[in-house]
């Protein structure tokens, strides 16, 4: 948060948008709207056609709201994992 505030102080005309992406997702897994961009610390809403859930990494069971776990994504841009590990 301090880095964002410092940047905006130095460059007040720049609009920052946040998002979430990883190599395996082939790009952004979430999108940011103008409204969401005012709430630093959020990555916005899931991109269209994407699904997400937070799971216990040991069991793969879905967790309740506000629990810490592993993010699982599913959608048309997600790389498929081979059943044979290659």
PDB file of N, CA and C in Angstrom:
ATOM      1  N   UNK A   1       0.815  -1.186   0.000  1.00  0.00           N
ATOM      2  CA  UNK A   1       0.000   0.000   0.000  1.00  0.00           C
ATOM      3  C   UNK A   1       0.870   1.266   0.000  1.00  0.00           C
ATOM      4  N   UNK A   2       1.969   1.249   0.742  1.00  0.00           N
ATOM      5  CA  UNK A   2       2.848   2.412   0.795  1.00  0.00           C
ATOM      6  C   UNK A   2       3.462   2.702  -0.568  1.00  0.00           C
ATOM      7  N   UNK A   3       3.799   1.661  -1.301  1.00  0.00           N
ATOM      8  CA  UNK A   3       4.402   1.847  -2.622  1.00  0.00           C
ATOM      9  C   UNK A   3       3.398   2.511  -3.563  1.00  0.00           C
ATOM     10  N   UNK A   4       2.149   2.051  -3.534  1.00  0.00           N
ATOM     11  CA  UNK A   4       1.103   2.633  -4.379  1.00  0.00           C
ATOM     12  C   UNK A   4       0.898   4.100  -4.034  1.00  0.00           C
ATOM     13  N   UNK A   5       0.781   4.386  -2.754  1.00  0.00           N
ATOM     14  CA  UNK A   5       0.561   5.778  -2.333  1.00  0.00           C
ATOM     15  C   UNK A   5       1.735   6.670  -2.731  1.00  0.00           C
ATOM     16  N   UNK A   6       2.969   6.179  -2.564  1.00  0.00           N
ATOM     17  CA  UNK A   6       4.153   6.945  -2.948  1.00  0.00           C
ATOM     18  C   UNK A   6       4.196   7.206  -4.447  1.00  0.00           C
ATOM     19  N   UNK A   7       3.831   6.186  -5.237  1.00  0.00           N
ATOM     20  CA  UNK A   7       3.804   6.333  -6.693  1.00  0.00           C
ATOM     21  C   UNK A   7       2.774   7.382  -7.099  1.00  0.00           C
ATOM     22  N   UNK A   8       1.567   7.288  -6.542  1.00  0.00           N
ATOM     23  CA  UNK A   8       0.508   8.230  -6.904  1.00  0.00           C
ATOM     24  C   UNK A   8       0.829   9.650  -6.470  1.00  0.00           C
ATOM     25  N   UNK A   9       1.578   9.782  -5.397  1.00  0.00           N
ATOM     26  CA  UNK A   9       1.999  11.106  -4.954  1.00  0.00           C
ATOM     27  C   UNK A   9       2.954  11.728  -5.982  1.00  0.00           C
ATOM     28  N   UNK A  10       3.837  10.901  -6.515  1.00  0.00           N
ATOM     29  CA  UNK A  10       4.823  11.380  -7.493  1.00  0.00           C
ATOM     30  C   UNK A  10       4.213  11.559  -8.881  1.00  0.00           C
ATOM     31  N   UNK A  11       3.244  10.696  -9.233  1.00  0.00           N
ATOM     32  CA  UNK A  11       2.608  10.732 -10.554  1.00  0.00           C
ATOM     33  C   UNK A  11       1.090  10.810 -10.391  1.00  0.00           C
ATOM     34  N   UNK A  12       0.566  11.959  -9.995  1.00  0.00           N
ATOM     35  CA  UNK A  12      -0.855  12.069  -9.669  1.00  0.00           C
ATOM     36  C   UNK A  12      -1.816  11.884 -10.848  1.00  0.00           C
ATOM     37  N   UNK A  13      -1.337  12.008 -12.064  1.00  0.00           N
ATOM     38  CA  UNK A  13      -2.246  11.866 -13.211  1.00  0.00           C
ATOM     39  C   UNK A  13      -2.338  10.423 -13.718  1.00  0.00           C
ATOM     40  N   UNK A  14      -1.518   9.537 -13.192  1.00  0.00           N
ATOM     41  CA  UNK A  14      -1.529   8.139 -13.619  1.00  0.00           C
ATOM     42  C   UNK A  14      -2.626   7.389 -12.881  1.00  0.00           C
ATOM     43  N   UNK A  15      -3.396   6.572 -13.603  1.00  0.00           N
ATOM     44  CA  UNK A  15      -4.427   5.738 -12.989  1.00  0.00           C
ATOM     45  C   UNK A  15      -3.906   4.310 -12.916  1.00  0.00           C
ATOM     46  N   UNK A  16      -3.885   3.750 -11.730  1.00  0.00           N
ATOM     47  CA  UNK A  16      -3.408   2.389 -11.537  1.00  0.00           C
ATOM     48  C   UNK A  16      -4.565   1.412 -11.518  1.00  0.00           C
ATOM     49  N   UNK A  17      -4.381   0.291 -12.178  1.00  0.00           N
ATOM     50  CA  UNK A  17      -5.328  -0.812 -12.123  1.00  0.00           C
ATOM     51  C   UNK A  17      -4.571  -2.026 -11.616  1.00  0.00           C
ATOM     52  N   UNK A  18      -5.212  -2.817 -10.800  1.00  0.00           N
ATOM     53  CA  UNK A  18      -4.587  -4.016 -10.261  1.00  0.00           C
ATOM     54  C   UNK A  18      -5.256  -5.247 -10.854  1.00  0.00           C
ATOM     55  N   UNK A  19      -4.534  -6.326 -10.886  1.00  0.00           N
ATOM     56  CA  UNK A  19      -5.083  -7.568 -11.396  1.00  0.00           C
ATOM     57  C   UNK A  19      -4.295  -8.749 -10.878  1.00  0.00           C
ATOM     58  N   UNK A  20      -4.738  -9.919 -11.252  1.00  0.00           N
ATOM     59  CA  UNK A  20      -4.061 -11.146 -10.858  1.00  0.00           C
ATOM     60  C   UNK A  20      -3.840 -11.983 -12.101  1.00  0.00           C
ATOM     61  N   UNK A  21      -2.620 -12.425 -12.283  1.00  0.00           N
ATOM     62  CA  UNK A  21      -2.299 -13.270 -13.433  1.00  0.00           C
ATOM     63  C   UNK A  21      -1.123 -14.153 -13.062  1.00  0.00           C
ATOM     64  N   UNK A  22      -0.961 -15.224 -13.805  1.00  0.00           N
ATOM     65  CA  UNK A  22       0.185 -16.096 -13.652  1.00  0.00           C
ATOM     66  C   UNK A  22       0.458 -16.765 -14.989  1.00  0.00           C
ATOM     67  N   UNK A  23       1.634 -17.300 -15.152  1.00  0.00           N
ATOM     68  CA  UNK A  23       2.027 -17.905 -16.424  1.00  0.00           C
ATOM     69  C   UNK A  23       1.004 -18.930 -16.889  1.00  0.00           C
ATOM     70  N   UNK A  24       0.565 -19.787 -15.976  1.00  0.00           N
ATOM     71  CA  UNK A  24      -0.340 -20.873 -16.327  1.00  0.00           C
ATOM     72  C   UNK A  24      -1.726 -20.395 -16.757  1.00  0.00           C
ATOM     73  N   UNK A  25      -2.083 -19.150 -16.424  1.00  0.00           N
ATOM     74  CA  UNK A  25      -3.409 -18.653 -16.792  1.00  0.00           C
ATOM     75  C   UNK A  25      -3.404 -17.990 -18.167  1.00  0.00           C
ATOM     76  N   UNK A  26      -2.242 -17.863 -18.782  1.00  0.00           N
ATOM     77  CA  UNK A  26      -2.175 -17.265 -20.110  1.00  0.00           C
ATOM     78  C   UNK A  26      -2.592 -15.807 -20.109  1.00  0.00           C
ATOM     79  N   UNK A  27      -2.486 -15.155 -18.996  1.00  0.00           N
ATOM     80  CA  UNK A  27      -2.856 -13.747 -18.892  1.00  0.00           C
ATOM     81  C   UNK A  27      -3.641 -13.487 -17.626  1.00  0.00           C
ATOM     82  N   UNK A  28      -4.453 -12.475 -17.651  1.00  0.00           N
ATOM     83  CA  UNK A  28      -5.173 -12.045 -16.462  1.00  0.00           C
ATOM     84  C   UNK A  28      -6.295 -12.982 -16.058  1.00  0.00           C
ATOM     85  N   UNK A  29      -6.338 -13.323 -14.801  1.00  0.00           N
ATOM     86  CA  UNK A  29      -7.423 -14.128 -14.260  1.00  0.00           C
ATOM     87  C   UNK A  29      -8.504 -13.238 -13.667  1.00  0.00           C
ATOM     88  N   UNK A  30      -8.154 -11.963 -13.472  1.00  0.00           N
ATOM     89  CA  UNK A  30      -9.138 -11.021 -12.950  1.00  0.00           C
ATOM     90  C   UNK A  30      -9.046  -9.721 -13.730  1.00  0.00           C
ATOM     91  N   UNK A  31     -10.101  -8.940 -13.620  1.00  0.00           N
ATOM     92  CA  UNK A  31     -10.147  -7.642 -14.280  1.00  0.00           C
ATOM     93  C   UNK A  31     -10.446  -6.578 -13.247  1.00  0.00           C
ATOM     94  N   UNK A  32     -10.089  -5.376 -13.554  1.00  0.00           N
ATOM     95  CA  UNK A  32     -10.261  -4.270 -12.636  1.00  0.00           C
ATOM     96  C   UNK A  32     -11.097  -3.201 -13.324  1.00  0.00           C
ATOM     97  N   UNK A  33     -12.108  -2.716 -12.649  1.00  0.00           N
ATOM     98  CA  UNK A  33     -12.932  -1.636 -13.179  1.00  0.00           C
ATOM     99  C   UNK A  33     -12.478  -0.326 -12.545  1.00  0.00           C
ATOM    100  N   UNK A  34     -12.958   0.774 -13.056  1.00  0.00           N
ATOM    101  CA  UNK A  34     -12.622   2.079 -12.480  1.00  0.00           C
ATOM    102  C   UNK A  34     -13.047   2.110 -11.019  1.00  0.00           C
ATOM    103  N   UNK A  35     -14.230   1.577 -10.723  1.00  0.00           N
ATOM    104  CA  UNK A  35     -14.715   1.555  -9.344  1.00  0.00           C
ATOM    105  C   UNK A  35     -13.803   0.708  -8.455  1.00  0.00           C
ATOM    106  N   UNK A  36     -13.432  -0.484  -8.914  1.00  0.00           N
ATOM    107  CA  UNK A  36     -12.562  -1.365  -8.142  1.00  0.00           C
ATOM    108  C   UNK A  36     -11.160  -0.781  -7.985  1.00  0.00           C
ATOM    109  N   UNK A  37     -10.694  -0.022  -8.970  1.00  0.00           N
ATOM    110  CA  UNK A  37      -9.327   0.494  -8.917  1.00  0.00           C
ATOM    111  C   UNK A  37      -9.134   1.483  -7.778  1.00  0.00           C
ATOM    112  N   UNK A  38     -10.195   2.018  -7.246  1.00  0.00           N
ATOM    113  CA  UNK A  38     -10.091   2.937  -6.107  1.00  0.00           C
ATOM    114  C   UNK A  38      -9.853   2.182  -4.801  1.00  0.00           C
ATOM    115  N   UNK A  39     -10.047   0.871  -4.814  1.00  0.00           N
ATOM    116  CA  UNK A  39      -9.873   0.046  -3.616  1.00  0.00           C
ATOM    117  C   UNK A  39      -8.565  -0.722  -3.750  1.00  0.00           C
ATOM    118  N   UNK A  40      -7.455  -0.100  -3.369  1.00  0.00           N
ATOM    119  CA  UNK A  40      -6.163  -0.761  -3.482  1.00  0.00           C
ATOM    120  C   UNK A  40      -6.111  -1.948  -2.538  1.00  0.00           C
ATOM    121  N   UNK A  41      -5.495  -3.022  -3.018  1.00  0.00           N
ATOM    122  CA  UNK A  41      -5.424  -4.242  -2.241  1.00  0.00           C
ATOM    123  C   UNK A  41      -6.370  -5.302  -2.755  1.00  0.00           C
ATOM    124  N   UNK A  42      -7.196  -4.947  -3.726  1.00  0.00           N
ATOM    125  CA  UNK A  42      -8.081  -5.910  -4.367  1.00  0.00           C
ATOM    126  C   UNK A  42      -7.621  -6.098  -5.806  1.00  0.00           C
ATOM    127  N   UNK A  43      -7.898  -7.246  -6.375  1.00  0.00           N
ATOM    128  CA  UNK A  43      -7.528  -7.474  -7.776  1.00  0.00           C
ATOM    129  C   UNK A  43      -8.751  -7.451  -8.670  1.00  0.00           C
ATOM    130  N   UNK A  44      -9.862  -6.977  -8.162  1.00  0.00           N
ATOM    131  CA  UNK A  44     -11.060  -6.849  -8.975  1.00  0.00           C
ATOM    132  C   UNK A  44     -11.883  -8.110  -9.013  1.00  0.00           C
ATOM    133  N   UNK A  45     -12.589  -8.275 -10.119  1.00  0.00           N
ATOM    134  CA  UNK A  45     -13.499  -9.403 -10.295  1.00  0.00           C
ATOM    135  C   UNK A  45     -12.872 -10.423 -11.227  1.00  0.00           C
ATOM    136  N   UNK A  46     -13.335 -11.658 -11.147  1.00  0.00           N
ATOM    137  CA  UNK A  46     -12.849 -12.683 -12.068  1.00  0.00           C
ATOM    138  C   UNK A  46     -13.126 -12.264 -13.503  1.00  0.00           C
ATOM    139  N   UNK A  47     -12.201 -12.595 -14.385  1.00  0.00           N
ATOM    140  CA  UNK A  47     -12.406 -12.343 -15.806  1.00  0.00           C
ATOM    141  C   UNK A  47     -13.570 -13.197 -16.300  1.00  0.00           C
ATOM    142  N   UNK A  48     -14.208 -12.788 -17.392  1.00  0.00           N
ATOM    143  CA  UNK A  48     -15.308 -13.583 -17.933  1.00  0.00           C
ATOM    144  C   UNK A  48     -14.875 -15.029 -18.209  1.00  0.00           C
ATOM    145  N   UNK A  49     -15.781 -15.958 -17.975  1.00  0.00           N
ATOM    146  CA  UNK A  49     -15.570 -17.388 -18.208  1.00  0.00           C
ATOM    147  C   UNK A  49     -14.549 -18.033 -17.275  1.00  0.00           C
ATOM    148  N   UNK A  50     -14.169 -17.351 -16.194  1.00  0.00           N
ATOM    149  CA  UNK A  50     -13.228 -17.916 -15.227  1.00  0.00           C
ATOM    150  C   UNK A  50     -13.987 -18.357 -13.979  1.00  0.00           C
ATOM    151  N   UNK A  51     -13.502 -19.411 -13.358  1.00  0.00           N
ATOM    152  CA  UNK A  51     -14.025 -19.875 -12.069  1.00  0.00           C
ATOM    153  C   UNK A  51     -12.855 -19.926 -11.094  1.00  0.00           C
ATOM    154  N   UNK A  52     -13.120 -19.693  -9.822  1.00  0.00           N
ATOM    155  CA  UNK A  52     -12.066 -19.723  -8.814  1.00  0.00           C
ATOM    156  C   UNK A  52     -12.624 -20.243  -7.500  1.00  0.00           C
ATOM    157  N   UNK A  53     -11.737 -20.887  -6.739  1.00  0.00           N
ATOM    158  CA  UNK A  53     -12.094 -21.272  -5.377  1.00  0.00           C
ATOM    159  C   UNK A  53     -10.817 -21.367  -4.564  1.00  0.00           C
ATOM    160  N   UNK A  54     -10.958 -21.189  -3.274  1.00  0.00           N
ATOM    161  CA  UNK A  54      -9.851 -21.330  -2.337  1.00  0.00           C
ATOM    162  C   UNK A  54      -9.996 -22.701  -1.702  1.00  0.00           C
ATOM    163  N   UNK A  55      -8.915 -23.484  -1.726  1.00  0.00           N
ATOM    164  CA  UNK A  55      -8.979 -24.848  -1.209  1.00  0.00           C
ATOM    165  C   UNK A  55      -7.872 -25.096  -0.193  1.00  0.00           C
ATOM    166  N   UNK A  56      -8.082 -26.120   0.621  1.00  0.00           N
ATOM    167  CA  UNK A  56      -7.039 -26.613   1.505  1.00  0.00           C
ATOM    168  C   UNK A  56      -6.033 -27.324   0.604  1.00  0.00           C
ATOM    169  N   UNK A  57      -4.760 -26.901   0.581  1.00  0.00           N
ATOM    170  CA  UNK A  57      -3.801 -27.500  -0.341  1.00  0.00           C
ATOM    171  C   UNK A  57      -3.520 -28.978  -0.057  1.00  0.00           C
ATOM    172  N   UNK A  58      -3.766 -29.425   1.149  1.00  0.00           N
ATOM    173  CA  UNK A  58      -3.530 -30.831   1.496  1.00  0.00           C
ATOM    174  C   UNK A  58      -4.648 -31.739   0.994  1.00  0.00           C
ATOM    175  N   UNK A  59      -5.897 -31.257   1.096  1.00  0.00           N
ATOM    176  CA  UNK A  59      -7.045 -32.113   0.789  1.00  0.00           C
ATOM    177  C   UNK A  59      -7.760 -31.760  -0.505  1.00  0.00           C
ATOM    178  N   UNK A  60      -7.586 -30.518  -0.990  1.00  0.00           N
ATOM    179  CA  UNK A  60      -8.310 -30.066  -2.166  1.00  0.00           C
ATOM    180  C   UNK A  60      -9.747 -29.679  -1.865  1.00  0.00           C
ATOM    181  N   UNK A  61     -10.123 -29.702  -0.588  1.00  0.00           N
ATOM    182  CA  UNK A  61     -11.484 -29.329  -0.188  1.00  0.00           C
ATOM    183  C   UNK A  61     -11.645 -27.813  -0.209  1.00  0.00           C
ATOM    184  N   UNK A  62     -12.797 -27.353  -0.713  1.00  0.00           N
ATOM    185  CA  UNK A  62     -13.098 -25.918  -0.747  1.00  0.00           C
ATOM    186  C   UNK A  62     -13.199 -25.385   0.675  1.00  0.00           C
ATOM    187  N   UNK A  63     -12.699 -24.171   0.881  1.00  0.00           N
ATOM    188  CA  UNK A  63     -12.730 -23.533   2.196  1.00  0.00           C
ATOM    189  C   UNK A  63     -13.822 -22.475   2.266  1.00  0.00           C
ATOM    190  N   UNK A  64     -14.227 -22.164   3.459  1.00  0.00           N
ATOM    191  CA  UNK A  64     -15.238 -21.136   3.705  1.00  0.00           C
ATOM    192  C   UNK A  64     -14.644 -19.748   3.432  1.00  0.00           C
ATOM    193  N   UNK A  65     -15.497 -18.764   3.387  1.00  0.00           N
ATOM    194  CA  UNK A  65     -15.102 -17.372   3.162  1.00  0.00           C
ATOM    195  C   UNK A  65     -14.109 -16.934   4.244  1.00  0.00           C
ATOM    196  N   UNK A  66     -13.136 -16.129   3.823  1.00  0.00           N
ATOM    197  CA  UNK A  66     -12.118 -15.546   4.710  1.00  0.00           C
ATOM    198  C   UNK A  66     -11.180 -16.565   5.331  1.00  0.00           C
ATOM    199  N   UNK A  67     -11.000 -17.718   4.688  1.00  0.00           N
ATOM    200  CA  UNK A  67     -10.029 -18.709   5.143  1.00  0.00           C
ATOM    201  C   UNK A  67      -8.829 -18.659   4.203  1.00  0.00           C
ATOM    202  N   UNK A  68      -7.663 -18.915   4.717  1.00  0.00           N
ATOM    203  CA  UNK A  68      -6.435 -18.892   3.932  1.00  0.00           C
ATOM    204  C   UNK A  68      -6.205 -20.261   3.310  1.00  0.00           C
ATOM    205  N   UNK A  69      -5.870 -20.287   2.021  1.00  0.00           N
ATOM    206  CA  UNK A  69      -5.630 -21.542   1.329  1.00  0.00           C
ATOM    207  C   UNK A  69      -4.985 -21.298  -0.017  1.00  0.00           C
ATOM    208  N   UNK A  70      -5.173 -22.236  -0.917  1.00  0.00           N
ATOM    209  CA  UNK A  70      -4.589 -22.166  -2.257  1.00  0.00           C
ATOM    210  C   UNK A  70      -5.675 -21.781  -3.257  1.00  0.00           C
ATOM    211  N   UNK A  71      -5.332 -20.885  -4.187  1.00  0.00           N
ATOM    212  CA  UNK A  71      -6.277 -20.432  -5.202  1.00  0.00           C
ATOM    213  C   UNK A  71      -6.261 -21.398  -6.375  1.00  0.00           C
ATOM    214  N   UNK A  72      -7.422 -21.953  -6.697  1.00  0.00           N
ATOM    215  CA  UNK A  72      -7.570 -22.809  -7.873  1.00  0.00           C
ATOM    216  C   UNK A  72      -8.395 -22.053  -8.895  1.00  0.00           C
ATOM    217  N   UNK A  73      -7.906 -22.002 -10.125  1.00  0.00           N
ATOM    218  CA  UNK A  73      -8.596 -21.320 -11.220  1.00  0.00           C
ATOM    219  C   UNK A  73      -8.966 -22.324 -12.301  1.00  0.00           C
ATOM    220  N   UNK A  74     -10.114 -22.080 -12.951  1.00  0.00           N
ATOM    221  CA  UNK A  74     -10.514 -22.888 -14.098  1.00  0.00           C
ATOM    222  C   UNK A  74     -11.132 -21.955 -15.131  1.00  0.00           C
ATOM    223  N   UNK A  75     -10.727 -22.130 -16.382  1.00  0.00           N
ATOM    224  CA  UNK A  75     -11.269 -21.303 -17.447  1.00  0.00           C
ATOM    225  C   UNK A  75     -10.584 -21.603 -18.758  1.00  0.00           C
ATOM    226  N   UNK A  76     -11.021 -20.934 -19.821  1.00  0.00           N
ATOM    227  CA  UNK A  76     -10.522 -21.233 -21.161  1.00  0.00           C
ATOM    228  C   UNK A  76      -9.051 -20.876 -21.374  1.00  0.00           C
ATOM    229  N   UNK A  77      -8.456 -20.044 -20.529  1.00  0.00           N
ATOM    230  CA  UNK A  77      -7.060 -19.666 -20.717  1.00  0.00           C
ATOM    231  C   UNK A  77      -6.110 -20.428 -19.800  1.00  0.00           C
ATOM    232  N   UNK A  78      -6.629 -21.328 -18.985  1.00  0.00           N
ATOM    233  CA  UNK A  78      -5.781 -22.054 -18.025  1.00  0.00           C
ATOM    234  C   UNK A  78      -5.108 -23.238 -18.702  1.00  0.00           C
ATOM    235  N   UNK A  79      -3.797 -23.360 -18.489  1.00  0.00           N
ATOM    236  CA  UNK A  79      -3.043 -24.469 -19.050  1.00  0.00           C
ATOM    237  C   UNK A  79      -3.524 -25.784 -18.448  1.00  0.00           C
ATOM    238  N   UNK A  80      -3.667 -26.785 -19.280  1.00  0.00           N
ATOM    239  CA  UNK A  80      -4.072 -28.112 -18.816  1.00  0.00           C
ATOM    240  C   UNK A  80      -2.853 -28.837 -18.270  1.00  0.00           C
ATOM    241  N   UNK A  81      -3.073 -29.578 -17.186  1.00  0.00           N
ATOM    242  CA  UNK A  81      -1.999 -30.354 -16.577  1.00  0.00           C
ATOM    243  C   UNK A  81      -2.092 -31.774 -17.098  1.00  0.00           C
ATOM    244  N   UNK A  82      -0.991 -32.305 -17.541  1.00  0.00           N
ATOM    245  CA  UNK A  82      -0.949 -33.675 -18.032  1.00  0.00           C
ATOM    246  C   UNK A  82      -1.132 -34.651 -16.884  1.00  0.00           C
ATOM    247  N   UNK A  83      -1.868 -35.724 -17.125  1.00  0.00           N
ATOM    248  CA  UNK A  83      -2.049 -36.748 -16.108  1.00  0.00           C
ATOM    249  C   UNK A  83      -0.754 -37.498 -15.847  1.00  0.00           C
ATOM    250  N   UNK A  84       0.209 -37.416 -16.767  1.00  0.00           N
ATOM    251  CA  UNK A  84       1.461 -38.150 -16.641  1.00  0.00           C
ATOM    252  C   UNK A  84       2.603 -37.270 -16.141  1.00  0.00           C
ATOM    253  N   UNK A  85       2.263 -36.040 -15.749  1.00  0.00           N
ATOM    254  CA  UNK A  85       3.264 -35.149 -15.186  1.00  0.00           C
ATOM    255  C   UNK A  85       4.250 -34.554 -16.179  1.00  0.00           C
ATOM    256  N   UNK A  86       3.951 -34.609 -17.463  1.00  0.00           N
ATOM    257  CA  UNK A  86       4.854 -34.011 -18.456  1.00  0.00           C
ATOM    258  C   UNK A  86       4.174 -32.906 -19.210  1.00  0.00           C
TER     259      UNK A  86
END
